[in-house]
Amino acid sequence: MLSKIAILEGSTLLLLLFLAVPAKRLLGYPEAVTLVGSIHGAAFIAYVVALVAFFVGKHLNLKQLGLGLFAAFIPFGSFVFEHKVLKPRQL
């Protein structure tokens, strides 16, 4: 479950950075950022809530929680976190 949310969060961040922002800046389409930004915001909140829930449920330790939160702010970070931390543990 957490792996799927991490991939969703990472995907929406990439869409925001590499599709919506250029559409706004280069094509004058600010609605792209509004739409994709809202979707990414919801995915980000779901990801953070899921990370905390897995930490409280003892499925993640404090270091893994911190890495997961840090990864959310870096393009491709949540994909790396999912592959290196979550996938081996089947979370």
PDB file of N, CA and C in Angstrom:
ATOM      1  N   MET A   1       0.818  -1.199   0.000  1.00  0.00           N
ATOM      2  CA  MET A   1       0.000   0.000   0.000  1.00  0.00           C
ATOM      3  C   MET A   1       0.865   1.267   0.000  1.00  0.00           C
ATOM      4  N   LEU A   2       1.832   1.327   0.910  1.00  0.00           N
ATOM      5  CA  LEU A   2       2.705   2.498   0.980  1.00  0.00           C
ATOM      6  C   LEU A   2       3.523   2.638  -0.298  1.00  0.00           C
ATOM      7  N   SER A   3       3.933   1.531  -0.888  1.00  0.00           N
ATOM      8  CA  SER A   3       4.682   1.589  -2.153  1.00  0.00           C
ATOM      9  C   SER A   3       3.862   2.259  -3.248  1.00  0.00           C
ATOM     10  N   LYS A   4       2.601   1.912  -3.340  1.00  0.00           N
ATOM     11  CA  LYS A   4       1.736   2.496  -4.365  1.00  0.00           C
ATOM     12  C   LYS A   4       1.549   3.991  -4.141  1.00  0.00           C
ATOM     13  N   ILE A   5       1.388   4.380  -2.890  1.00  0.00           N
ATOM     14  CA  ILE A   5       1.224   5.801  -2.581  1.00  0.00           C
ATOM     15  C   ILE A   5       2.513   6.558  -2.885  1.00  0.00           C
ATOM     16  N   ALA A   6       3.668   5.956  -2.588  1.00  0.00           N
ATOM     17  CA  ALA A   6       4.954   6.597  -2.887  1.00  0.00           C
ATOM     18  C   ALA A   6       5.116   6.812  -4.391  1.00  0.00           C
ATOM     19  N   ILE A   7       4.739   5.825  -5.177  1.00  0.00           N
ATOM     20  CA  ILE A   7       4.836   5.949  -6.635  1.00  0.00           C
ATOM     21  C   ILE A   7       3.866   7.014  -7.152  1.00  0.00           C
ATOM     22  N   LEU A   8       2.663   7.052  -6.592  1.00  0.00           N
ATOM     23  CA  LEU A   8       1.691   8.079  -6.973  1.00  0.00           C
ATOM     24  C   LEU A   8       2.222   9.471  -6.647  1.00  0.00           C
ATOM     25  N   GLU A   9       2.754   9.642  -5.451  1.00  0.00           N
ATOM     26  CA  GLU A   9       3.289  10.946  -5.036  1.00  0.00           C
ATOM     27  C   GLU A   9       4.442  11.365  -5.940  1.00  0.00           C
ATOM     28  N   GLY A  10       5.348  10.451  -6.221  1.00  0.00           N
ATOM     29  CA  GLY A  10       6.473  10.761  -7.099  1.00  0.00           C
ATOM     30  C   GLY A  10       6.032  11.107  -8.512  1.00  0.00           C
ATOM     31  N   SER A  11       5.047  10.393  -9.006  1.00  0.00           N
ATOM     32  CA  SER A  11       4.542  10.645 -10.356  1.00  0.00           C
ATOM     33  C   SER A  11       3.890  12.015 -10.462  1.00  0.00           C
ATOM     34  N   THR A  12       3.098  12.371  -9.458  1.00  0.00           N
ATOM     35  CA  THR A  12       2.437  13.674  -9.512  1.00  0.00           C
ATOM     36  C   THR A  12       3.444  14.816  -9.368  1.00  0.00           C
ATOM     37  N   LEU A  13       4.506  14.604  -8.591  1.00  0.00           N
ATOM     38  CA  LEU A  13       5.550  15.632  -8.491  1.00  0.00           C
ATOM     39  C   LEU A  13       6.224  15.837  -9.844  1.00  0.00           C
ATOM     40  N   LEU A  14       6.537  14.746 -10.524  1.00  0.00           N
ATOM     41  CA  LEU A  14       7.163  14.863 -11.845  1.00  0.00           C
ATOM     42  C   LEU A  14       6.230  15.536 -12.849  1.00  0.00           C
ATOM     43  N   LEU A  15       4.953  15.181 -12.809  1.00  0.00           N
ATOM     44  CA  LEU A  15       3.986  15.839 -13.697  1.00  0.00           C
ATOM     45  C   LEU A  15       3.914  17.335 -13.412  1.00  0.00           C
ATOM     46  N   LEU A  16       3.933  17.680 -12.143  1.00  0.00           N
ATOM     47  CA  LEU A  16       3.881  19.089 -11.770  1.00  0.00           C
ATOM     48  C   LEU A  16       5.115  19.839 -12.271  1.00  0.00           C
ATOM     49  N   LEU A  17       6.285  19.279 -12.006  1.00  0.00           N
ATOM     50  CA  LEU A  17       7.530  19.967 -12.353  1.00  0.00           C
ATOM     51  C   LEU A  17       7.823  19.999 -13.850  1.00  0.00           C
ATOM     52  N   PHE A  18       7.536  18.902 -14.536  1.00  0.00           N
ATOM     53  CA  PHE A  18       7.971  18.781 -15.928  1.00  0.00           C
ATOM     54  C   PHE A  18       6.857  18.928 -16.965  1.00  0.00           C
ATOM     55  N   LEU A  19       5.621  19.041 -16.517  1.00  0.00           N
ATOM     56  CA  LEU A  19       4.515  19.230 -17.447  1.00  0.00           C
ATOM     57  C   LEU A  19       3.734  20.501 -17.117  1.00  0.00           C
ATOM     58  N   ALA A  20       3.239  20.586 -15.889  1.00  0.00           N
ATOM     59  CA  ALA A  20       2.358  21.693 -15.531  1.00  0.00           C
ATOM     60  C   ALA A  20       3.095  23.034 -15.444  1.00  0.00           C
ATOM     61  N   VAL A  21       4.243  23.057 -14.787  1.00  0.00           N
ATOM     62  CA  VAL A  21       4.978  24.326 -14.666  1.00  0.00           C
ATOM     63  C   VAL A  21       5.437  24.834 -16.036  1.00  0.00           C
ATOM     64  N   PRO A  22       6.019  23.986 -16.892  1.00  0.00           N
ATOM     65  CA  PRO A  22       6.343  24.489 -18.238  1.00  0.00           C
ATOM     66  C   PRO A  22       5.107  24.941 -19.026  1.00  0.00           C
ATOM     67  N   ALA A  23       3.987  24.246 -18.853  1.00  0.00           N
ATOM     68  CA  ALA A  23       2.759  24.664 -19.540  1.00  0.00           C
ATOM     69  C   ALA A  23       2.337  26.053 -19.074  1.00  0.00           C
ATOM     70  N   LYS A  24       2.511  26.317 -17.801  1.00  0.00           N
ATOM     71  CA  LYS A  24       2.172  27.640 -17.270  1.00  0.00           C
ATOM     72  C   LYS A  24       3.144  28.695 -17.783  1.00  0.00           C
ATOM     73  N   ARG A  25       4.438  28.418 -17.657  1.00  0.00           N
ATOM     74  CA  ARG A  25       5.459  29.422 -17.984  1.00  0.00           C
ATOM     75  C   ARG A  25       5.645  29.629 -19.491  1.00  0.00           C
ATOM     76  N   LEU A  26       5.639  28.558 -20.238  1.00  0.00           N
ATOM     77  CA  LEU A  26       5.940  28.657 -21.667  1.00  0.00           C
ATOM     78  C   LEU A  26       4.704  28.841 -22.542  1.00  0.00           C
ATOM     79  N   LEU A  27       3.592  28.246 -22.119  1.00  0.00           N
ATOM     80  CA  LEU A  27       2.388  28.287 -22.941  1.00  0.00           C
ATOM     81  C   LEU A  27       1.305  29.202 -22.385  1.00  0.00           C
ATOM     82  N   GLY A  28       1.556  29.767 -21.199  1.00  0.00           N
ATOM     83  CA  GLY A  28       0.566  30.659 -20.601  1.00  0.00           C
ATOM     84  C   GLY A  28      -0.691  29.945 -20.147  1.00  0.00           C
ATOM     85  N   TYR A  29      -0.532  28.743 -19.634  1.00  0.00           N
ATOM     86  CA  TYR A  29      -1.677  27.936 -19.210  1.00  0.00           C
ATOM     87  C   TYR A  29      -1.593  27.695 -17.702  1.00  0.00           C
ATOM     88  N   PRO A  30      -1.956  28.698 -16.874  1.00  0.00           N
ATOM     89  CA  PRO A  30      -1.814  28.566 -15.422  1.00  0.00           C
ATOM     90  C   PRO A  30      -2.734  27.516 -14.802  1.00  0.00           C
ATOM     91  N   GLU A  31      -3.787  27.171 -15.489  1.00  0.00           N
ATOM     92  CA  GLU A  31      -4.703  26.160 -14.961  1.00  0.00           C
ATOM     93  C   GLU A  31      -4.029  24.804 -14.803  1.00  0.00           C
ATOM     94  N   ALA A  32      -2.978  24.563 -15.587  1.00  0.00           N
ATOM     95  CA  ALA A  32      -2.259  23.283 -15.491  1.00  0.00           C
ATOM     96  C   ALA A  32      -1.661  23.110 -14.108  1.00  0.00           C
ATOM     97  N   VAL A  33      -1.072  24.183 -13.575  1.00  0.00           N
ATOM     98  CA  VAL A  33      -0.479  24.108 -12.238  1.00  0.00           C
ATOM     99  C   VAL A  33      -1.570  23.968 -11.189  1.00  0.00           C
ATOM    100  N   THR A  34      -2.675  24.652 -11.378  1.00  0.00           N
ATOM    101  CA  THR A  34      -3.783  24.545 -10.426  1.00  0.00           C
ATOM    102  C   THR A  34      -4.300  23.116 -10.363  1.00  0.00           C
ATOM    103  N   LEU A  35      -4.519  22.513 -11.506  1.00  0.00           N
ATOM    104  CA  LEU A  35      -5.059  21.153 -11.553  1.00  0.00           C
ATOM    105  C   LEU A  35      -4.058  20.125 -11.037  1.00  0.00           C
ATOM    106  N   VAL A  36      -2.880  20.098 -11.631  1.00  0.00           N
ATOM    107  CA  VAL A  36      -1.881  19.097 -11.245  1.00  0.00           C
ATOM    108  C   VAL A  36      -1.380  19.365  -9.828  1.00  0.00           C
ATOM    109  N   GLY A  37      -1.275  20.639  -9.460  1.00  0.00           N
ATOM    110  CA  GLY A  37      -0.854  20.985  -8.105  1.00  0.00           C
ATOM    111  C   GLY A  37      -1.825  20.491  -7.053  1.00  0.00           C
ATOM    112  N   SER A  38      -3.105  20.577  -7.333  1.00  0.00           N
ATOM    113  CA  SER A  38      -4.117  20.070  -6.399  1.00  0.00           C
ATOM    114  C   SER A  38      -4.031  18.553  -6.257  1.00  0.00           C
ATOM    115  N   ILE A  39      -3.850  17.882  -7.369  1.00  0.00           N
ATOM    116  CA  ILE A  39      -3.719  16.420  -7.338  1.00  0.00           C
ATOM    117  C   ILE A  39      -2.456  16.025  -6.584  1.00  0.00           C
ATOM    118  N   HIS A  40      -1.360  16.725  -6.857  1.00  0.00           N
ATOM    119  CA  HIS A  40      -0.114  16.427  -6.154  1.00  0.00           C
ATOM    120  C   HIS A  40      -0.249  16.716  -4.658  1.00  0.00           C
ATOM    121  N   GLY A  41      -0.918  17.791  -4.311  1.00  0.00           N
ATOM    122  CA  GLY A  41      -1.120  18.116  -2.898  1.00  0.00           C
ATOM    123  C   GLY A  41      -1.847  17.006  -2.164  1.00  0.00           C
ATOM    124  N   ALA A  42      -2.887  16.474  -2.774  1.00  0.00           N
ATOM    125  CA  ALA A  42      -3.626  15.366  -2.161  1.00  0.00           C
ATOM    126  C   ALA A  42      -2.754  14.118  -2.058  1.00  0.00           C
ATOM    127  N   ALA A  43      -1.984  13.835  -3.107  1.00  0.00           N
ATOM    128  CA  ALA A  43      -1.096  12.665  -3.083  1.00  0.00           C
ATOM    129  C   ALA A  43      -0.006  12.830  -2.033  1.00  0.00           C
ATOM    130  N   PHE A  44       0.525  14.040  -1.894  1.00  0.00           N
ATOM    131  CA  PHE A  44       1.562  14.314  -0.902  1.00  0.00           C
ATOM    132  C   PHE A  44       1.021  14.107   0.511  1.00  0.00           C
ATOM    133  N   ILE A  45      -0.163  14.626   0.775  1.00  0.00           N
ATOM    134  CA  ILE A  45      -0.770  14.457   2.101  1.00  0.00           C
ATOM    135  C   ILE A  45      -1.021  12.982   2.383  1.00  0.00           C
ATOM    136  N   ALA A  46      -1.535  12.254   1.400  1.00  0.00           N
ATOM    137  CA  ALA A  46      -1.766  10.814   1.583  1.00  0.00           C
ATOM    138  C   ALA A  46      -0.461  10.087   1.871  1.00  0.00           C
ATOM    139  N   TYR A  47       0.604  10.475   1.194  1.00  0.00           N
ATOM    140  CA  TYR A  47       1.919   9.859   1.388  1.00  0.00           C
ATOM    141  C   TYR A  47       2.441  10.121   2.799  1.00  0.00           C
ATOM    142  N   VAL A  48       2.360  11.358   3.249  1.00  0.00           N
ATOM    143  CA  VAL A  48       2.840  11.695   4.594  1.00  0.00           C
ATOM    144  C   VAL A  48       2.014  10.974   5.653  1.00  0.00           C
ATOM    145  N   VAL A  49       0.706  10.954   5.498  1.00  0.00           N
ATOM    146  CA  VAL A  49      -0.159  10.249   6.452  1.00  0.00           C
ATOM    147  C   VAL A  49       0.178   8.760   6.466  1.00  0.00           C
ATOM    148  N   ALA A  50       0.390   8.172   5.295  1.00  0.00           N
ATOM    149  CA  ALA A  50       0.737   6.748   5.221  1.00  0.00           C
ATOM    150  C   ALA A  50       2.094   6.477   5.859  1.00  0.00           C
ATOM    151  N   LEU A  51       3.072   7.344   5.609  1.00  0.00           N
ATOM    152  CA  LEU A  51       4.386   7.176   6.240  1.00  0.00           C
ATOM    153  C   LEU A  51       4.266   7.185   7.759  1.00  0.00           C
ATOM    154  N   VAL A  52       3.542   8.157   8.288  1.00  0.00           N
ATOM    155  CA  VAL A  52       3.378   8.260   9.744  1.00  0.00           C
ATOM    156  C   VAL A  52       2.627   7.046  10.277  1.00  0.00           C
ATOM    157  N   ALA A  53       1.600   6.605   9.568  1.00  0.00           N
ATOM    158  CA  ALA A  53       0.842   5.428  10.005  1.00  0.00           C
ATOM    159  C   ALA A  53       1.727   4.181  10.036  1.00  0.00           C
ATOM    160  N   PHE A  54       2.569   4.013   9.037  1.00  0.00           N
ATOM    161  CA  PHE A  54       3.468   2.856   9.020  1.00  0.00           C
ATOM    162  C   PHE A  54       4.534   2.966  10.102  1.00  0.00           C
ATOM    163  N   PHE A  55       4.954   4.192  10.426  1.00  0.00           N
ATOM    164  CA  PHE A  55       5.900   4.401  11.522  1.00  0.00           C
ATOM    165  C   PHE A  55       5.242   4.061  12.858  1.00  0.00           C
ATOM    166  N   VAL A  56       4.039   4.557  13.078  1.00  0.00           N
ATOM    167  CA  VAL A  56       3.310   4.280  14.324  1.00  0.00           C
ATOM    168  C   VAL A  56       3.023   2.787  14.446  1.00  0.00           C
ATOM    169  N   GLY A  57       2.736   2.131  13.328  1.00  0.00           N
ATOM    170  CA  GLY A  57       2.477   0.697  13.320  1.00  0.00           C
ATOM    171  C   GLY A  57       3.732  -0.152  13.374  1.00  0.00           C
ATOM    172  N   LYS A  58       4.875   0.480  13.565  1.00  0.00           N
ATOM    173  CA  LYS A  58       6.172  -0.199  13.722  1.00  0.00           C
ATOM    174  C   LYS A  58       6.651  -0.900  12.450  1.00  0.00           C
ATOM    175  N   HIS A  59       6.162  -0.463  11.295  1.00  0.00           N
ATOM    176  CA  HIS A  59       6.640  -1.031  10.031  1.00  0.00           C
ATOM    177  C   HIS A  59       7.841  -0.263   9.489  1.00  0.00           C
ATOM    178  N   LEU A  60       8.026   0.975   9.981  1.00  0.00           N
ATOM    179  CA  LEU A  60       9.168   1.804   9.608  1.00  0.00           C
ATOM    180  C   LEU A  60       9.826   2.312  10.879  1.00  0.00           C
ATOM    181  N   ASN A  61      11.152   2.443  10.843  1.00  0.00           N
ATOM    182  CA  ASN A  61      11.824   3.057  11.985  1.00  0.00           C
ATOM    183  C   ASN A  61      11.969   4.559  11.726  1.00  0.00           C
ATOM    184  N   LEU A  62      12.518   5.276  12.699  1.00  0.00           N
ATOM    185  CA  LEU A  62      12.617   6.732  12.600  1.00  0.00           C
ATOM    186  C   LEU A  62      13.483   7.165  11.415  1.00  0.00           C
ATOM    187  N   LYS A  63      14.563   6.456  11.165  1.00  0.00           N
ATOM    188  CA  LYS A  63      15.435   6.782  10.032  1.00  0.00           C
ATOM    189  C   LYS A  63      14.685   6.619   8.712  1.00  0.00           C
ATOM    190  N   GLN A  64      13.937   5.536   8.582  1.00  0.00           N
ATOM    191  CA  GLN A  64      13.179   5.294   7.355  1.00  0.00           C
ATOM    192  C   GLN A  64      12.078   6.337   7.176  1.00  0.00           C
ATOM    193  N   LEU A  65      11.453   6.727   8.277  1.00  0.00           N
ATOM    194  CA  LEU A  65      10.442   7.784   8.212  1.00  0.00           C
ATOM    195  C   LEU A  65      11.078   9.070   7.703  1.00  0.00           C
ATOM    196  N   GLY A  66      12.213   9.438   8.265  1.00  0.00           N
ATOM    197  CA  GLY A  66      12.907  10.647   7.827  1.00  0.00           C
ATOM    198  C   GLY A  66      13.323  10.588   6.368  1.00  0.00           C
ATOM    199  N   LEU A  67      13.836   9.443   5.944  1.00  0.00           N
ATOM    200  CA  LEU A  67      14.219   9.278   4.537  1.00  0.00           C
ATOM    201  C   LEU A  67      13.010   9.404   3.615  1.00  0.00           C
ATOM    202  N   GLY A  68      11.904   8.815   4.030  1.00  0.00           N
ATOM    203  CA  GLY A  68      10.686   8.895   3.226  1.00  0.00           C
ATOM    204  C   GLY A  68      10.178  10.317   3.092  1.00  0.00           C
ATOM    205  N   LEU A  69      10.225  11.064   4.192  1.00  0.00           N
ATOM    206  CA  LEU A  69       9.798  12.464   4.142  1.00  0.00           C
ATOM    207  C   LEU A  69      10.744  13.292   3.279  1.00  0.00           C
ATOM    208  N   PHE A  70      12.033  13.080   3.440  1.00  0.00           N
ATOM    209  CA  PHE A  70      13.035  13.792   2.642  1.00  0.00           C
ATOM    210  C   PHE A  70      12.858  13.485   1.155  1.00  0.00           C
ATOM    211  N   ALA A  71      12.615  12.232   0.841  1.00  0.00           N
ATOM    212  CA  ALA A  71      12.478  11.800  -0.554  1.00  0.00           C
ATOM    213  C   ALA A  71      11.307  12.471  -1.255  1.00  0.00           C
ATOM    214  N   ALA A  72      10.289  12.856  -0.507  1.00  0.00           N
ATOM    215  CA  ALA A  72       9.106  13.465  -1.104  1.00  0.00           C
ATOM    216  C   ALA A  72       9.400  14.819  -1.739  1.00  0.00           C
ATOM    217  N   PHE A  73      10.485  15.449  -1.336  1.00  0.00           N
ATOM    218  CA  PHE A  73      10.800  16.785  -1.830  1.00  0.00           C
ATOM    219  C   PHE A  73      11.806  16.789  -2.978  1.00  0.00           C
ATOM    220  N   ILE A  74      12.265  15.623  -3.384  1.00  0.00           N
ATOM    221  CA  ILE A  74      13.273  15.512  -4.434  1.00  0.00           C
ATOM    222  C   ILE A  74      12.664  14.770  -5.629  1.00  0.00           C
ATOM    223  N   PRO A  75      12.763  15.348  -6.834  1.00  0.00           N
ATOM    224  CA  PRO A  75      12.271  14.605  -7.994  1.00  0.00           C
ATOM    225  C   PRO A  75      12.926  13.221  -8.070  1.00  0.00           C
ATOM    226  N   PHE A  76      12.138  12.230  -8.292  1.00  0.00           N
ATOM    227  CA  PHE A  76      12.525  10.818  -8.342  1.00  0.00           C
ATOM    228  C   PHE A  76      12.862  10.243  -6.962  1.00  0.00           C
ATOM    229  N   GLY A  77      12.824  11.060  -5.917  1.00  0.00           N
ATOM    230  CA  GLY A  77      13.174  10.605  -4.568  1.00  0.00           C
ATOM    231  C   GLY A  77      12.257   9.533  -4.033  1.00  0.00           C
ATOM    232  N   SER A  78      10.961   9.693  -4.233  1.00  0.00           N
ATOM    233  CA  SER A  78      10.047   8.683  -3.701  1.00  0.00           C
ATOM    234  C   SER A  78      10.164   7.361  -4.457  1.00  0.00           C
ATOM    235  N   PHE A  79      10.592   7.418  -5.729  1.00  0.00           N
ATOM    236  CA  PHE A  79      10.829   6.177  -6.470  1.00  0.00           C
ATOM    237  C   PHE A  79      12.027   5.422  -5.890  1.00  0.00           C
ATOM    238  N   VAL A  80      13.084   6.163  -5.578  1.00  0.00           N
ATOM    239  CA  VAL A  80      14.274   5.553  -4.978  1.00  0.00           C
ATOM    240  C   VAL A  80      13.928   4.996  -3.604  1.00  0.00           C
ATOM    241  N   PHE A  81      13.185   5.762  -2.803  1.00  0.00           N
ATOM    242  CA  PHE A  81      12.769   5.305  -1.475  1.00  0.00           C
ATOM    243  C   PHE A  81      11.932   4.029  -1.583  1.00  0.00           C
ATOM    244  N   GLU A  82      11.017   4.018  -2.521  1.00  0.00           N
ATOM    245  CA  GLU A  82      10.172   2.831  -2.710  1.00  0.00           C
ATOM    246  C   GLU A  82      11.021   1.631  -3.096  1.00  0.00           C
ATOM    247  N   HIS A  83      11.969   1.818  -3.999  1.00  0.00           N
ATOM    248  CA  HIS A  83      12.787   0.709  -4.493  1.00  0.00           C
ATOM    249  C   HIS A  83      13.781   0.207  -3.446  1.00  0.00           C
ATOM    250  N   LYS A  84      14.407   1.121  -2.720  1.00  0.00           N
ATOM    251  CA  LYS A  84      15.469   0.745  -1.779  1.00  0.00           C
ATOM    252  C   LYS A  84      14.954   0.358  -0.395  1.00  0.00           C
ATOM    253  N   VAL A  85      13.864   0.974   0.053  1.00  0.00           N
ATOM    254  CA  VAL A  85      13.392   0.743   1.425  1.00  0.00           C
ATOM    255  C   VAL A  85      12.096  -0.063   1.459  1.00  0.00           C
ATOM    256  N   LEU A  86      11.115   0.341   0.677  1.00  0.00           N
ATOM    257  CA  LEU A  86       9.795  -0.288   0.779  1.00  0.00           C
ATOM    258  C   LEU A  86       9.702  -1.623   0.050  1.00  0.00           C
ATOM    259  N   LYS A  87      10.208  -1.685  -1.164  1.00  0.00           N
ATOM    260  CA  LYS A  87      10.081  -2.907  -1.964  1.00  0.00           C
ATOM    261  C   LYS A  87      10.716  -4.120  -1.296  1.00  0.00           C
ATOM    262  N   PRO A  88      11.943  -4.010  -0.753  1.00  0.00           N
ATOM    263  CA  PRO A  88      12.528  -5.182  -0.087  1.00  0.00           C
ATOM    264  C   PRO A  88      11.704  -5.666   1.116  1.00  0.00           C
ATOM    265  N   ARG A  89      10.983  -4.747   1.739  1.00  0.00           N
ATOM    266  CA  ARG A  89      10.169  -5.098   2.910  1.00  0.00           C
ATOM    267  C   ARG A  89       8.722  -5.393   2.520  1.00  0.00           C
ATOM    268  N   GLN A  90       8.398  -5.262   1.250  1.00  0.00           N
ATOM    269  CA  GLN A  90       7.061  -5.508   0.705  1.00  0.00           C
ATOM    270  C   GLN A  90       6.001  -4.675   1.411  1.00  0.00           C
ATOM    271  N   LEU A  91       6.293  -3.387   1.559  1.00  0.00           N
ATOM    272  CA  LEU A  91       5.331  -2.470   2.155  1.00  0.00           C
ATOM    273  C   LEU A  91       4.630  -1.736   1.036  1.00  0.00           C
TER     274      LEU A  91
END
